[in-house]
Every structure is written in C-alpha cells, then in structure tokens.
Amino acid sequence: MSDEPSDRDHEMLYRLYERRFSQADAEKKNAIWRAISRYLQRYVDPRWPTLDIGCDRGDFIRNINADEKWATD
C-alpha cells in the first residue's frame, strides 16, 4: 500500500477547490499573491529550496522565484 495520493485523490481535491472558488476568484487571488511574492522575493534566495506549507492552490509558490519548490496543503 502506498502513502502517495492517488489520481482519484487529486481529482477529488481539484473538484473541491473548483466548487469553493470560481475561476474569477482564483485569478484575483493569484494577482494578489503575485504582488505579495514580488515583495517577499527579497527574503527568498532563488538558489535555495522554498517550501509553501498550507499552499491552497499554490499561488505563493507559483509566483516566487526559486530553483526548487515544494508545496503541501
């Protein structure tokens, strides 16, 4: 038995977020995180791995510049 999430788990999570937030909401939220990430980038060395705990849809980790990115929700 694997501890890795299955494709079914990923699909269920995707559908949950799809119901919770409209595409328009997701785009607005991503735009906010783009601005926040530009500010926070000064504290994130792009050569180091970056971890986003509680990543939701991954808006922070998607918008930060890092050679190695990890995210968990």
N, C-alpha and C. Protein backbone atom coordinates (compact mmCIF):
# COMPACT_ATOMS: atom_id res chain seq x y z
N MET A 1 0.84 -1.18 0.00
CA MET A 1 0.00 0.00 0.00
C MET A 1 0.89 1.24 0.00
N SER A 2 0.58 2.19 -0.86
CA SER A 2 1.37 3.41 -0.99
C SER A 2 0.77 4.54 -0.16
N ASP A 3 1.65 5.37 0.39
CA ASP A 3 1.20 6.55 1.12
C ASP A 3 0.99 7.74 0.18
N GLU A 4 1.35 7.55 -1.08
CA GLU A 4 1.20 8.62 -2.06
C GLU A 4 -0.27 8.81 -2.43
N PRO A 5 -0.70 10.08 -2.61
CA PRO A 5 -2.09 10.32 -3.04
C PRO A 5 -2.32 9.73 -4.43
N SER A 6 -3.49 9.20 -4.64
CA SER A 6 -3.83 8.62 -5.93
C SER A 6 -4.35 9.71 -6.87
N ASP A 7 -4.48 9.34 -8.14
CA ASP A 7 -5.08 10.27 -9.11
C ASP A 7 -6.50 10.64 -8.68
N ARG A 8 -7.20 9.68 -8.10
CA ARG A 8 -8.57 9.93 -7.62
C ARG A 8 -8.55 10.98 -6.51
N ASP A 9 -7.57 10.88 -5.60
CA ASP A 9 -7.45 11.88 -4.53
C ASP A 9 -7.22 13.27 -5.11
N HIS A 10 -6.33 13.35 -6.09
CA HIS A 10 -6.05 14.64 -6.73
C HIS A 10 -7.30 15.21 -7.40
N GLU A 11 -8.03 14.34 -8.07
CA GLU A 11 -9.25 14.77 -8.75
C GLU A 11 -10.29 15.27 -7.75
N MET A 12 -10.46 14.56 -6.64
CA MET A 12 -11.42 14.98 -5.61
C MET A 12 -11.03 16.34 -5.02
N LEU A 13 -9.75 16.54 -4.76
CA LEU A 13 -9.28 17.81 -4.22
C LEU A 13 -9.51 18.94 -5.23
N TYR A 14 -9.22 18.67 -6.49
CA TYR A 14 -9.42 19.67 -7.54
C TYR A 14 -10.89 20.08 -7.60
N ARG A 15 -11.80 19.09 -7.55
CA ARG A 15 -13.23 19.40 -7.61
C ARG A 15 -13.68 20.20 -6.39
N LEU A 16 -13.13 19.89 -5.23
CA LEU A 16 -13.46 20.62 -4.01
C LEU A 16 -13.09 22.10 -4.17
N TYR A 17 -11.87 22.36 -4.61
CA TYR A 17 -11.44 23.75 -4.79
C TYR A 17 -12.23 24.44 -5.90
N GLU A 18 -12.57 23.69 -6.92
CA GLU A 18 -13.35 24.25 -8.02
C GLU A 18 -14.71 24.74 -7.53
N ARG A 19 -15.31 24.00 -6.58
CA ARG A 19 -16.61 24.41 -6.02
C ARG A 19 -16.46 25.58 -5.04
N ARG A 20 -15.36 25.61 -4.31
CA ARG A 20 -15.16 26.65 -3.30
C ARG A 20 -14.86 28.01 -3.90
N PHE A 21 -14.13 28.02 -5.01
CA PHE A 21 -13.69 29.28 -5.61
C PHE A 21 -13.97 29.28 -7.11
N SER A 22 -14.54 30.36 -7.58
CA SER A 22 -14.77 30.48 -9.02
C SER A 22 -13.43 30.78 -9.71
N GLN A 23 -13.40 30.63 -11.02
CA GLN A 23 -12.18 30.94 -11.78
C GLN A 23 -11.83 32.42 -11.61
N ALA A 24 -12.82 33.28 -11.59
CA ALA A 24 -12.57 34.72 -11.40
C ALA A 24 -11.95 34.98 -10.03
N ASP A 25 -12.46 34.29 -8.99
CA ASP A 25 -11.87 34.43 -7.65
C ASP A 25 -10.42 33.96 -7.64
N ALA A 26 -10.17 32.83 -8.30
CA ALA A 26 -8.81 32.27 -8.35
C ALA A 26 -7.85 33.24 -9.05
N GLU A 27 -8.29 33.87 -10.12
CA GLU A 27 -7.44 34.82 -10.85
C GLU A 27 -7.14 36.05 -10.00
N LYS A 28 -8.14 36.54 -9.27
CA LYS A 28 -7.92 37.69 -8.39
C LYS A 28 -6.95 37.33 -7.26
N LYS A 29 -7.14 36.16 -6.69
CA LYS A 29 -6.27 35.72 -5.61
C LYS A 29 -4.83 35.55 -6.11
N ASN A 30 -4.66 35.00 -7.29
CA ASN A 30 -3.33 34.84 -7.85
C ASN A 30 -2.68 36.20 -8.09
N ALA A 31 -3.44 37.19 -8.54
CA ALA A 31 -2.90 38.53 -8.76
C ALA A 31 -2.42 39.14 -7.45
N ILE A 32 -3.18 38.92 -6.37
CA ILE A 32 -2.76 39.42 -5.06
C ILE A 32 -1.46 38.75 -4.64
N TRP A 33 -1.39 37.43 -4.80
CA TRP A 33 -0.17 36.70 -4.42
C TRP A 33 1.02 37.06 -5.31
N ARG A 34 0.77 37.44 -6.55
CA ARG A 34 1.86 37.89 -7.43
C ARG A 34 2.50 39.14 -6.82
N ALA A 35 1.68 40.08 -6.35
CA ALA A 35 2.21 41.30 -5.73
C ALA A 35 2.91 40.99 -4.40
N ILE A 36 2.31 40.14 -3.59
CA ILE A 36 2.93 39.76 -2.31
C ILE A 36 4.27 39.07 -2.56
N SER A 37 4.31 38.17 -3.53
CA SER A 37 5.54 37.44 -3.84
C SER A 37 6.65 38.35 -4.34
N ARG A 38 6.28 39.38 -5.11
CA ARG A 38 7.31 40.35 -5.54
C ARG A 38 7.96 41.00 -4.33
N TYR A 39 7.17 41.35 -3.33
CA TYR A 39 7.71 41.94 -2.11
C TYR A 39 8.56 40.93 -1.33
N LEU A 40 8.04 39.72 -1.15
CA LEU A 40 8.72 38.70 -0.35
C LEU A 40 9.97 38.14 -1.03
N GLN A 41 10.07 38.29 -2.34
CA GLN A 41 11.21 37.71 -3.06
C GLN A 41 12.55 38.17 -2.49
N ARG A 42 12.63 39.36 -1.95
CA ARG A 42 13.88 39.85 -1.37
C ARG A 42 14.37 38.97 -0.21
N TYR A 43 13.45 38.21 0.39
CA TYR A 43 13.80 37.33 1.51
C TYR A 43 14.01 35.87 1.07
N VAL A 44 13.76 35.59 -0.17
CA VAL A 44 13.87 34.23 -0.69
C VAL A 44 15.02 34.17 -1.68
N ASP A 45 16.09 33.46 -1.29
CA ASP A 45 17.22 33.26 -2.19
C ASP A 45 16.82 32.23 -3.24
N PRO A 46 16.78 32.61 -4.52
CA PRO A 46 16.32 31.68 -5.55
C PRO A 46 17.16 30.40 -5.67
N ARG A 47 18.36 30.42 -5.12
CA ARG A 47 19.23 29.23 -5.19
C ARG A 47 18.85 28.18 -4.15
N TRP A 48 18.02 28.53 -3.18
CA TRP A 48 17.65 27.63 -2.09
C TRP A 48 16.25 27.06 -2.32
N PRO A 49 16.02 25.85 -1.83
CA PRO A 49 14.66 25.29 -1.93
C PRO A 49 13.67 26.15 -1.13
N THR A 50 12.45 26.24 -1.63
CA THR A 50 11.40 27.01 -0.96
C THR A 50 10.22 26.09 -0.69
N LEU A 51 9.71 26.15 0.54
CA LEU A 51 8.59 25.31 0.97
C LEU A 51 7.39 26.20 1.28
N ASP A 52 6.26 25.86 0.73
CA ASP A 52 5.00 26.56 1.00
C ASP A 52 4.07 25.59 1.72
N ILE A 53 3.91 25.81 3.02
CA ILE A 53 3.05 24.95 3.84
C ILE A 53 1.65 25.57 3.88
N GLY A 54 0.65 24.78 3.60
CA GLY A 54 -0.72 25.31 3.54
C GLY A 54 -0.92 26.06 2.24
N CYS A 55 -0.50 25.46 1.14
CA CYS A 55 -0.37 26.17 -0.14
C CYS A 55 -1.68 26.45 -0.86
N ASP A 56 -2.78 25.84 -0.41
CA ASP A 56 -4.05 26.06 -1.10
C ASP A 56 -3.87 25.69 -2.57
N ARG A 57 -4.10 26.60 -3.48
CA ARG A 57 -3.91 26.32 -4.91
C ARG A 57 -2.48 26.61 -5.38
N GLY A 58 -1.62 27.00 -4.48
CA GLY A 58 -0.21 27.21 -4.84
C GLY A 58 0.10 28.59 -5.37
N ASP A 59 -0.68 29.58 -4.99
CA ASP A 59 -0.46 30.94 -5.53
C ASP A 59 0.90 31.50 -5.13
N PHE A 60 1.33 31.31 -3.89
CA PHE A 60 2.64 31.82 -3.47
C PHE A 60 3.76 31.10 -4.20
N ILE A 61 3.76 29.78 -4.14
CA ILE A 61 4.86 29.01 -4.69
C ILE A 61 4.96 29.17 -6.20
N ARG A 62 3.83 29.38 -6.84
CA ARG A 62 3.82 29.60 -8.29
C ARG A 62 4.45 30.94 -8.66
N ASN A 63 4.32 31.92 -7.77
CA ASN A 63 4.77 33.28 -8.09
C ASN A 63 6.13 33.64 -7.52
N ILE A 64 6.73 32.76 -6.73
CA ILE A 64 8.04 33.05 -6.16
C ILE A 64 9.12 32.44 -7.06
N ASN A 65 10.25 33.10 -7.15
CA ASN A 65 11.36 32.60 -7.96
C ASN A 65 12.27 31.75 -7.07
N ALA A 66 12.35 30.44 -7.36
CA ALA A 66 13.21 29.53 -6.62
C ALA A 66 13.55 28.36 -7.54
N ASP A 67 14.79 27.89 -7.43
CA ASP A 67 15.22 26.76 -8.26
C ASP A 67 14.48 25.48 -7.91
N GLU A 68 14.16 25.33 -6.63
CA GLU A 68 13.45 24.12 -6.18
C GLU A 68 12.26 24.56 -5.33
N LYS A 69 11.07 24.09 -5.69
CA LYS A 69 9.85 24.50 -5.00
C LYS A 69 9.12 23.27 -4.48
N TRP A 70 8.64 23.37 -3.23
CA TRP A 70 7.86 22.33 -2.59
C TRP A 70 6.61 22.97 -2.00
N ALA A 71 5.49 22.26 -2.07
CA ALA A 71 4.25 22.79 -1.52
C ALA A 71 3.40 21.66 -0.98
N THR A 72 2.70 21.95 0.12
CA THR A 72 1.76 20.99 0.70
C THR A 72 0.58 21.76 1.28
N ASP A 73 -0.57 21.13 1.25
CA ASP A 73 -1.75 21.79 1.78
C ASP A 73 -2.29 21.02 2.95
